[in-house]
């Protein structure tokens, strides 16, 4: 069976579907990050504070540069157990700026006392709870894809006669 479909409809539906899937995943992730601000807090101690460096590669496998992120290890007690954490925020940030990563890790000197926010069972912990305002801007990307997809579906021009032949099973 074959069917002729307008290209604008295929692209519009594709953008709409992709945008919707990404939007749902982002909202779920951002809600989880935001929920950390409601986690109980205890006082912990910084064990190490460094910067991790990793290579960044382009589409063709070519080296593009280095990416940096702060890495802080801390000890805390939750649920009667002594634990170690390594997570600053559930939304991990990498940057091409080593200075930025050094500044972030420098906020947590070794041996200093820190507020550790942990899940109810104590297994997950962060030093920086909640979602930073800039994180919500990520919702603009799937939103834009959905707007363009909807626009393609709702508008039609006389020159939009291009079709795509779709075969559902061999004839």
N, C-alpha and C. Protein backbone atom coordinates (compact mmCIF):
# COMPACT_ATOMS: atom_id res chain seq x y z
N UNK A 1 0.84 -1.18 0.00
CA UNK A 1 0.00 0.00 0.00
C UNK A 1 0.89 1.24 0.00
N UNK A 2 0.56 2.21 -0.83
CA UNK A 2 1.32 3.45 -0.91
C UNK A 2 0.37 4.62 -0.70
N UNK A 3 0.97 5.72 -0.21
CA UNK A 3 0.18 6.90 0.04
C UNK A 3 1.03 8.11 -0.32
N UNK A 4 0.44 9.12 -0.95
CA UNK A 4 1.13 10.36 -1.26
C UNK A 4 0.80 11.36 -0.16
N UNK A 5 1.85 11.96 0.43
CA UNK A 5 1.67 12.89 1.54
C UNK A 5 2.42 14.18 1.21
N UNK A 6 1.81 15.31 1.52
CA UNK A 6 2.44 16.61 1.32
C UNK A 6 3.67 16.72 2.22
N UNK A 7 4.78 17.24 1.65
CA UNK A 7 6.03 17.37 2.40
C UNK A 7 5.87 18.27 3.63
N UNK A 8 5.09 19.33 3.50
CA UNK A 8 4.89 20.23 4.64
C UNK A 8 4.20 19.52 5.80
N UNK A 9 3.30 18.61 5.48
CA UNK A 9 2.61 17.85 6.53
C UNK A 9 3.59 16.93 7.24
N UNK A 10 4.44 16.25 6.47
CA UNK A 10 5.42 15.33 7.07
C UNK A 10 6.39 16.09 7.96
N UNK A 11 6.95 17.20 7.44
CA UNK A 11 7.91 17.98 8.22
C UNK A 11 7.20 18.61 9.43
N UNK A 12 6.02 19.16 9.22
CA UNK A 12 5.28 19.79 10.32
C UNK A 12 4.96 18.81 11.44
N UNK A 13 4.46 17.63 11.07
CA UNK A 13 4.16 16.61 12.09
C UNK A 13 5.43 16.14 12.79
N UNK A 14 6.51 16.00 12.01
CA UNK A 14 7.78 15.59 12.60
C UNK A 14 8.27 16.59 13.63
N UNK A 15 8.28 17.87 13.28
CA UNK A 15 8.72 18.90 14.22
C UNK A 15 7.80 18.96 15.44
N UNK A 16 6.52 18.84 15.22
CA UNK A 16 5.57 18.87 16.32
C UNK A 16 5.80 17.70 17.28
N UNK A 17 5.98 16.51 16.74
CA UNK A 17 6.20 15.32 17.56
C UNK A 17 7.53 15.39 18.31
N UNK A 18 8.60 15.74 17.60
CA UNK A 18 9.92 15.83 18.24
C UNK A 18 9.90 16.89 19.33
N UNK A 19 9.32 18.05 19.03
CA UNK A 19 9.23 19.12 20.03
C UNK A 19 8.46 18.68 21.26
N UNK A 20 7.37 17.97 21.05
CA UNK A 20 6.54 17.51 22.16
C UNK A 20 7.29 16.51 23.04
N UNK A 21 7.98 15.55 22.43
CA UNK A 21 8.74 14.55 23.19
C UNK A 21 9.85 15.23 24.00
N UNK A 22 10.58 16.14 23.37
CA UNK A 22 11.67 16.83 24.08
C UNK A 22 11.10 17.71 25.19
N UNK A 23 9.98 18.38 24.92
CA UNK A 23 9.35 19.23 25.92
C UNK A 23 8.95 18.43 27.16
N UNK A 24 8.32 17.28 26.96
CA UNK A 24 7.90 16.45 28.08
C UNK A 24 9.12 15.98 28.89
N UNK A 25 10.18 15.55 28.20
CA UNK A 25 11.39 15.09 28.90
C UNK A 25 12.05 16.23 29.67
N UNK A 26 12.13 17.41 29.06
CA UNK A 26 12.73 18.56 29.75
C UNK A 26 11.92 18.97 30.97
N UNK A 27 10.62 19.01 30.83
CA UNK A 27 9.77 19.40 31.97
C UNK A 27 9.95 18.42 33.11
N UNK A 28 9.99 17.13 32.79
CA UNK A 28 10.18 16.12 33.83
C UNK A 28 11.53 16.32 34.53
N UNK A 29 12.59 16.53 33.75
CA UNK A 29 13.91 16.74 34.34
C UNK A 29 13.99 18.01 35.17
N UNK A 30 13.41 19.10 34.65
CA UNK A 30 13.43 20.36 35.39
C UNK A 30 12.61 20.29 36.67
N UNK A 31 11.52 19.55 36.65
CA UNK A 31 10.72 19.39 37.87
C UNK A 31 11.51 18.63 38.93
N UNK A 32 12.27 17.63 38.49
CA UNK A 32 13.10 16.87 39.43
C UNK A 32 14.19 17.76 40.03
N UNK A 33 14.82 18.58 39.19
CA UNK A 33 15.85 19.50 39.67
C UNK A 33 15.24 20.50 40.65
N UNK A 34 14.08 21.06 40.31
CA UNK A 34 13.42 22.04 41.18
C UNK A 34 13.03 21.41 42.52
N UNK A 35 12.67 20.14 42.52
CA UNK A 35 12.25 19.46 43.76
C UNK A 35 13.38 19.36 44.78
N UNK A 36 14.64 19.43 44.33
CA UNK A 36 15.75 19.32 45.28
C UNK A 36 15.75 20.46 46.30
N UNK A 37 15.10 21.58 45.98
CA UNK A 37 15.05 22.70 46.94
C UNK A 37 14.16 22.37 48.14
N UNK A 38 13.37 21.31 48.02
CA UNK A 38 12.51 20.89 49.13
C UNK A 38 13.11 19.71 49.91
N UNK A 39 14.30 19.27 49.52
CA UNK A 39 14.95 18.18 50.23
C UNK A 39 15.45 18.67 51.59
N UNK A 40 15.51 17.77 52.59
CA UNK A 40 16.08 18.15 53.89
C UNK A 40 17.57 18.50 53.75
N UNK A 41 18.03 19.39 54.62
CA UNK A 41 19.44 19.82 54.58
C UNK A 41 20.16 19.42 55.86
N UNK A 42 21.41 19.01 55.69
CA UNK A 42 22.29 18.72 56.82
C UNK A 42 23.63 19.39 56.55
N UNK A 43 24.43 19.51 57.57
CA UNK A 43 25.76 20.09 57.40
C UNK A 43 26.74 18.99 57.01
N UNK A 44 27.53 19.25 55.99
CA UNK A 44 28.53 18.30 55.53
C UNK A 44 29.90 18.97 55.47
N UNK A 45 30.89 18.21 55.04
CA UNK A 45 32.26 18.69 54.94
C UNK A 45 32.81 18.40 53.55
N UNK A 46 33.48 19.40 52.96
CA UNK A 46 34.08 19.23 51.64
C UNK A 46 35.36 18.42 51.78
N UNK A 47 35.45 17.32 51.01
CA UNK A 47 36.63 16.45 51.03
C UNK A 47 37.61 16.80 49.91
N UNK A 48 37.09 17.19 48.75
CA UNK A 48 37.96 17.59 47.64
C UNK A 48 37.20 18.56 46.75
N UNK A 49 37.95 19.40 46.06
CA UNK A 49 37.34 20.40 45.19
C UNK A 49 38.30 20.63 44.02
N UNK A 50 37.91 20.14 42.85
CA UNK A 50 38.78 20.19 41.67
C UNK A 50 37.97 20.59 40.44
N UNK A 51 38.65 20.60 39.30
CA UNK A 51 38.01 20.84 38.02
C UNK A 51 38.31 19.65 37.12
N UNK A 52 37.25 19.10 36.52
CA UNK A 52 37.42 17.99 35.58
C UNK A 52 37.47 18.56 34.16
N UNK A 53 38.37 18.00 33.36
CA UNK A 53 38.53 18.43 31.97
C UNK A 53 38.27 17.25 31.05
N UNK A 54 37.49 17.50 29.98
CA UNK A 54 37.27 16.44 28.99
C UNK A 54 37.34 17.06 27.60
N UNK A 55 37.73 16.23 26.66
CA UNK A 55 37.86 16.69 25.28
C UNK A 55 36.50 16.78 24.62
N UNK A 56 36.35 17.76 23.74
CA UNK A 56 35.13 17.93 22.96
C UNK A 56 35.46 17.66 21.50
N UNK A 57 34.63 16.84 20.84
CA UNK A 57 34.87 16.47 19.46
C UNK A 57 33.69 16.87 18.58
N UNK A 58 33.98 17.24 17.34
CA UNK A 58 32.95 17.63 16.39
C UNK A 58 32.31 16.44 15.72
N UNK A 59 31.44 16.72 14.76
CA UNK A 59 30.70 15.67 14.05
C UNK A 59 31.61 14.71 13.30
N UNK A 60 32.73 15.20 12.82
CA UNK A 60 33.66 14.37 12.05
C UNK A 60 34.74 13.74 12.93
N UNK A 61 34.60 13.88 14.23
CA UNK A 61 35.57 13.29 15.16
C UNK A 61 36.78 14.17 15.40
N UNK A 62 36.76 15.41 14.90
CA UNK A 62 37.91 16.31 15.08
C UNK A 62 37.85 16.97 16.46
N UNK A 63 39.01 17.13 17.04
CA UNK A 63 39.12 17.76 18.36
C UNK A 63 38.72 19.23 18.25
N UNK A 64 37.79 19.67 19.11
CA UNK A 64 37.33 21.06 19.08
C UNK A 64 37.81 21.89 20.26
N UNK A 65 38.24 21.23 21.32
CA UNK A 65 38.71 21.97 22.50
C UNK A 65 38.38 21.21 23.77
N UNK A 66 38.55 21.90 24.88
CA UNK A 66 38.33 21.29 26.18
C UNK A 66 37.07 21.85 26.82
N UNK A 67 36.39 21.00 27.59
CA UNK A 67 35.25 21.40 28.40
C UNK A 67 35.61 21.16 29.87
N UNK A 68 35.11 22.03 30.74
CA UNK A 68 35.47 21.97 32.16
C UNK A 68 34.21 21.99 33.03
N UNK A 69 34.28 21.27 34.14
CA UNK A 69 33.19 21.31 35.12
C UNK A 69 33.79 21.19 36.52
N UNK A 70 33.19 21.85 37.50
CA UNK A 70 33.68 21.70 38.87
C UNK A 70 33.32 20.32 39.42
N UNK A 71 34.22 19.75 40.20
CA UNK A 71 33.98 18.46 40.85
C UNK A 71 34.27 18.62 42.34
N UNK A 72 33.23 18.47 43.14
CA UNK A 72 33.36 18.62 44.58
C UNK A 72 32.89 17.33 45.23
N UNK A 73 33.69 16.79 46.12
CA UNK A 73 33.31 15.60 46.90
C UNK A 73 33.09 16.06 48.34
N UNK A 74 32.00 15.60 48.93
CA UNK A 74 31.66 16.03 50.28
C UNK A 74 31.11 14.85 51.07
N UNK A 75 31.24 14.94 52.39
CA UNK A 75 30.73 13.92 53.30
C UNK A 75 29.57 14.51 54.08
N UNK A 76 28.55 13.69 54.29
CA UNK A 76 27.39 14.12 55.06
C UNK A 76 26.78 12.90 55.74
N UNK A 77 25.90 13.14 56.70
CA UNK A 77 25.23 12.05 57.38
C UNK A 77 23.73 12.18 57.15
N UNK A 78 23.11 11.09 56.71
CA UNK A 78 21.66 11.08 56.47
C UNK A 78 21.13 9.68 56.76
N UNK A 79 20.02 9.62 57.41
CA UNK A 79 19.42 8.33 57.73
C UNK A 79 20.30 7.48 58.62
N UNK A 80 21.11 8.13 59.47
CA UNK A 80 21.99 7.41 60.38
C UNK A 80 23.23 6.84 59.71
N UNK A 81 23.43 7.12 58.43
CA UNK A 81 24.60 6.61 57.70
C UNK A 81 25.50 7.75 57.26
N UNK A 82 26.80 7.50 57.30
CA UNK A 82 27.77 8.46 56.78
C UNK A 82 27.88 8.22 55.28
N UNK A 83 27.74 9.28 54.50
CA UNK A 83 27.70 9.15 53.04
C UNK A 83 28.65 10.15 52.39
N UNK A 84 28.94 9.88 51.11
CA UNK A 84 29.72 10.83 50.30
C UNK A 84 28.91 11.20 49.08
N UNK A 85 29.00 12.46 48.70
CA UNK A 85 28.33 12.94 47.51
C UNK A 85 29.31 13.62 46.58
N UNK A 86 28.98 13.68 45.31
CA UNK A 86 29.83 14.32 44.31
C UNK A 86 29.02 15.22 43.38
N UNK A 87 27.78 15.49 43.72
CA UNK A 87 26.89 16.23 42.82
C UNK A 87 26.67 17.63 43.34
N UNK A 88 26.98 18.62 42.50
CA UNK A 88 26.67 20.01 42.86
C UNK A 88 25.19 20.27 42.63
N UNK A 89 24.70 19.92 41.45
CA UNK A 89 23.30 20.11 41.07
C UNK A 89 22.91 18.93 40.18
N UNK A 90 21.62 18.60 40.16
CA UNK A 90 21.20 17.50 39.29
C UNK A 90 21.38 17.83 37.82
N UNK A 91 21.45 19.13 37.50
CA UNK A 91 21.67 19.55 36.11
C UNK A 91 23.14 19.95 36.00
N UNK A 92 23.96 19.03 35.52
CA UNK A 92 25.40 19.25 35.46
C UNK A 92 25.77 20.22 34.34
N UNK A 93 26.64 21.16 34.66
CA UNK A 93 27.06 22.17 33.68
C UNK A 93 28.52 21.97 33.28
N UNK A 94 28.78 22.03 31.98
CA UNK A 94 30.13 22.00 31.42
C UNK A 94 30.34 23.32 30.69
N UNK A 95 31.56 23.80 30.68
CA UNK A 95 31.86 25.06 30.02
C UNK A 95 33.22 24.98 29.34
N UNK A 96 33.39 25.77 28.30
CA UNK A 96 34.71 25.86 27.66
C UNK A 96 35.61 26.79 28.45
N UNK A 97 35.06 27.43 29.48
CA UNK A 97 35.83 28.35 30.32
C UNK A 97 36.35 27.64 31.57
N UNK A 98 37.65 27.42 31.60
CA UNK A 98 38.26 26.81 32.79
C UNK A 98 38.14 27.76 33.97
N UNK A 99 38.21 29.07 33.71
CA UNK A 99 38.09 30.06 34.78
C UNK A 99 36.74 29.94 35.49
N UNK A 100 35.69 29.72 34.71
CA UNK A 100 34.36 29.55 35.32
C UNK A 100 34.34 28.33 36.24
N UNK A 101 34.87 27.20 35.75
CA UNK A 101 34.88 25.97 36.55
C UNK A 101 35.73 26.14 37.81
N UNK A 102 36.86 26.83 37.69
CA UNK A 102 37.70 27.08 38.86
C UNK A 102 36.99 27.97 39.87
N UNK A 103 36.26 28.97 39.38
CA UNK A 103 35.49 29.84 40.27
C UNK A 103 34.43 29.04 41.02
N UNK A 104 33.73 28.16 40.31
CA UNK A 104 32.68 27.36 40.94
C UNK A 104 33.26 26.41 41.98
N UNK A 105 34.33 25.70 41.64
CA UNK A 105 34.92 24.77 42.62
C UNK A 105 35.57 25.53 43.76
N UNK A 106 36.06 26.75 43.49
CA UNK A 106 36.67 27.58 44.53
C UNK A 106 35.70 28.01 45.61
N UNK A 107 34.41 27.94 45.33
CA UNK A 107 33.40 28.27 46.34
C UNK A 107 33.32 27.20 47.43
N UNK A 108 33.99 26.06 47.19
CA UNK A 108 33.92 24.93 48.12
C UNK A 108 35.32 24.48 48.52
N UNK A 109 36.02 25.26 49.38
CA UNK A 109 37.37 24.87 49.80
C UNK A 109 37.37 23.57 50.61
N UNK A 110 38.41 22.78 50.44
CA UNK A 110 38.55 21.53 51.19
C UNK A 110 38.51 21.82 52.69
N UNK A 111 37.70 21.01 53.40
CA UNK A 111 37.56 21.15 54.85
C UNK A 111 36.45 22.08 55.28
N UNK A 112 35.87 22.82 54.36
CA UNK A 112 34.82 23.76 54.74
C UNK A 112 33.49 23.04 54.98
N UNK A 113 32.67 23.67 55.81
CA UNK A 113 31.33 23.14 56.10
C UNK A 113 30.38 23.61 54.99
N UNK A 114 29.51 22.72 54.54
CA UNK A 114 28.55 23.04 53.48
C UNK A 114 27.16 22.51 53.86
N UNK A 115 26.14 23.14 53.31
CA UNK A 115 24.78 22.63 53.43
C UNK A 115 24.59 21.58 52.35
N UNK A 116 24.22 20.39 52.75
CA UNK A 116 23.99 19.29 51.82
C UNK A 116 22.50 18.98 51.83
N UNK A 117 21.89 19.06 50.67
CA UNK A 117 20.46 18.75 50.52
C UNK A 117 20.36 17.32 50.00
N UNK A 118 19.62 16.48 50.72
CA UNK A 118 19.58 15.06 50.34
C UNK A 118 18.14 14.57 50.18
N UNK A 119 18.00 13.53 49.37
CA UNK A 119 16.69 12.91 49.18
C UNK A 119 16.22 12.30 50.49
N UNK A 120 14.95 11.98 50.57
CA UNK A 120 14.39 11.45 51.82
C UNK A 120 15.14 10.21 52.31
N UNK A 121 15.58 9.36 51.38
CA UNK A 121 16.32 8.16 51.79
C UNK A 121 17.80 8.45 51.99
N UNK A 122 18.25 9.67 51.66
CA UNK A 122 19.64 10.06 51.88
C UNK A 122 20.61 9.61 50.80
N UNK A 123 20.14 8.83 49.83
CA UNK A 123 21.04 8.27 48.82
C UNK A 123 21.51 9.29 47.79
N UNK A 124 20.70 10.30 47.51
CA UNK A 124 21.08 11.34 46.54
C UNK A 124 21.25 12.66 47.27
N UNK A 125 22.24 13.45 46.84
CA UNK A 125 22.50 14.71 47.51
C UNK A 125 23.04 15.73 46.52
N UNK A 126 22.80 17.01 46.84
CA UNK A 126 23.32 18.12 46.03
C UNK A 126 23.75 19.24 46.97
N UNK A 127 24.66 20.07 46.50
CA UNK A 127 25.05 21.26 47.25
C UNK A 127 24.29 22.48 46.77
N UNK A 128 23.82 22.45 45.52
CA UNK A 128 23.10 23.58 44.93
C UNK A 128 21.71 23.11 44.51
N UNK A 129 20.74 23.24 45.43
CA UNK A 129 19.38 22.74 45.12
C UNK A 129 18.62 23.70 44.21
N UNK A 130 17.56 23.18 43.61
CA UNK A 130 16.68 24.01 42.80
C UNK A 130 17.20 24.19 41.38
N UNK A 131 16.33 24.76 40.57
CA UNK A 131 16.66 25.03 39.17
C UNK A 131 17.01 26.50 39.02
N UNK A 132 18.15 26.76 38.44
CA UNK A 132 18.54 28.15 38.17
C UNK A 132 17.64 28.71 37.07
N UNK A 133 17.37 30.01 37.10
CA UNK A 133 16.46 30.60 36.11
C UNK A 133 16.85 30.31 34.66
N UNK A 134 18.12 30.27 34.34
CA UNK A 134 18.55 30.02 32.97
C UNK A 134 18.19 28.64 32.45
N UNK A 135 18.00 27.68 33.34
CA UNK A 135 17.64 26.33 32.90
C UNK A 135 16.28 26.30 32.21
N UNK A 136 15.37 27.14 32.66
CA UNK A 136 14.02 27.15 32.09
C UNK A 136 14.05 27.62 30.64
N UNK A 137 15.12 28.32 30.24
CA UNK A 137 15.23 28.78 28.85
C UNK A 137 15.32 27.61 27.87
N UNK A 138 15.76 26.45 28.33
CA UNK A 138 15.84 25.27 27.46
C UNK A 138 14.47 24.90 26.90
N UNK A 139 13.41 25.30 27.57
CA UNK A 139 12.06 25.00 27.09
C UNK A 139 11.74 25.73 25.79
N UNK A 140 12.51 26.77 25.47
CA UNK A 140 12.28 27.52 24.24
C UNK A 140 12.58 26.68 23.00
N UNK A 141 13.55 25.78 23.08
CA UNK A 141 13.92 24.97 21.91
C UNK A 141 12.79 24.07 21.44
N UNK A 142 12.26 23.20 22.29
CA UNK A 142 11.14 22.37 21.80
C UNK A 142 9.91 23.22 21.50
N UNK A 143 9.74 24.32 22.24
CA UNK A 143 8.62 25.22 21.96
C UNK A 143 8.71 25.79 20.56
N UNK A 144 9.91 26.19 20.15
CA UNK A 144 10.10 26.73 18.80
C UNK A 144 9.82 25.66 17.75
N UNK A 145 10.28 24.44 17.98
CA UNK A 145 10.04 23.36 17.01
C UNK A 145 8.54 23.10 16.88
N UNK A 146 7.83 23.16 18.00
CA UNK A 146 6.38 22.92 17.95
C UNK A 146 5.65 24.06 17.23
N UNK A 147 6.11 25.29 17.43
CA UNK A 147 5.48 26.43 16.75
C UNK A 147 5.71 26.35 15.24
N UNK A 148 6.93 26.03 14.82
CA UNK A 148 7.23 25.90 13.39
C UNK A 148 6.42 24.74 12.79
N UNK A 149 6.40 23.62 13.51
CA UNK A 149 5.63 22.46 13.02
C UNK A 149 4.16 22.78 12.86
N UNK A 150 3.59 23.47 13.85
CA UNK A 150 2.18 23.86 13.77
C UNK A 150 1.96 24.82 12.61
N UNK A 151 2.88 25.75 12.44
CA UNK A 151 2.77 26.70 11.33
C UNK A 151 2.78 26.00 9.98
N UNK A 152 3.63 24.99 9.84
CA UNK A 152 3.67 24.23 8.58
C UNK A 152 2.36 23.48 8.34
N UNK A 153 1.77 22.99 9.41
CA UNK A 153 0.51 22.26 9.26
C UNK A 153 -0.68 23.18 8.95
N UNK A 154 -0.65 24.38 9.47
CA UNK A 154 -1.79 25.27 9.32
C UNK A 154 -1.73 26.18 8.08
N UNK A 155 -0.55 26.32 7.51
CA UNK A 155 -0.43 27.19 6.33
C UNK A 155 -0.24 26.33 5.09
N UNK A 156 -0.73 26.84 4.02
CA UNK A 156 -0.61 26.10 2.77
C UNK A 156 -0.50 27.11 1.64
N UNK A 157 0.47 26.92 0.77
CA UNK A 157 0.65 27.81 -0.37
C UNK A 157 0.38 27.03 -1.64
N UNK A 158 0.01 27.72 -2.73
CA UNK A 158 -0.28 27.02 -3.98
C UNK A 158 0.90 26.20 -4.49
N UNK A 159 2.13 26.64 -4.22
CA UNK A 159 3.29 25.91 -4.71
C UNK A 159 3.65 24.69 -3.86
N UNK A 160 2.88 24.40 -2.81
CA UNK A 160 3.14 23.26 -1.94
C UNK A 160 2.53 21.98 -2.51
N UNK A 161 2.91 21.65 -3.69
CA UNK A 161 2.35 20.46 -4.31
C UNK A 161 3.31 19.27 -4.20
N UNK A 162 4.50 19.50 -3.63
CA UNK A 162 5.47 18.42 -3.48
C UNK A 162 4.94 17.32 -2.58
N UNK A 163 5.12 16.10 -2.98
CA UNK A 163 4.61 14.98 -2.20
C UNK A 163 5.71 13.97 -1.94
N UNK A 164 5.48 13.16 -0.95
CA UNK A 164 6.39 12.07 -0.60
C UNK A 164 5.59 10.79 -0.71
N UNK A 165 6.16 9.80 -1.35
CA UNK A 165 5.50 8.51 -1.49
C UNK A 165 5.92 7.64 -0.29
N UNK A 166 4.96 7.18 0.47
CA UNK A 166 5.22 6.35 1.64
C UNK A 166 4.68 4.95 1.36
N UNK A 167 5.55 3.94 1.52
CA UNK A 167 5.15 2.56 1.32
C UNK A 167 5.07 1.88 2.69
N UNK A 168 3.93 1.33 3.01
CA UNK A 168 3.75 0.72 4.32
C UNK A 168 4.21 -0.73 4.34
N UNK A 169 4.11 -1.44 3.23
CA UNK A 169 4.64 -2.79 3.11
C UNK A 169 4.89 -3.05 1.65
N UNK A 170 5.78 -3.98 1.37
CA UNK A 170 6.10 -4.23 -0.05
C UNK A 170 4.86 -4.66 -0.84
N UNK A 171 4.78 -4.19 -2.08
CA UNK A 171 3.63 -4.53 -2.94
C UNK A 171 3.76 -5.93 -3.50
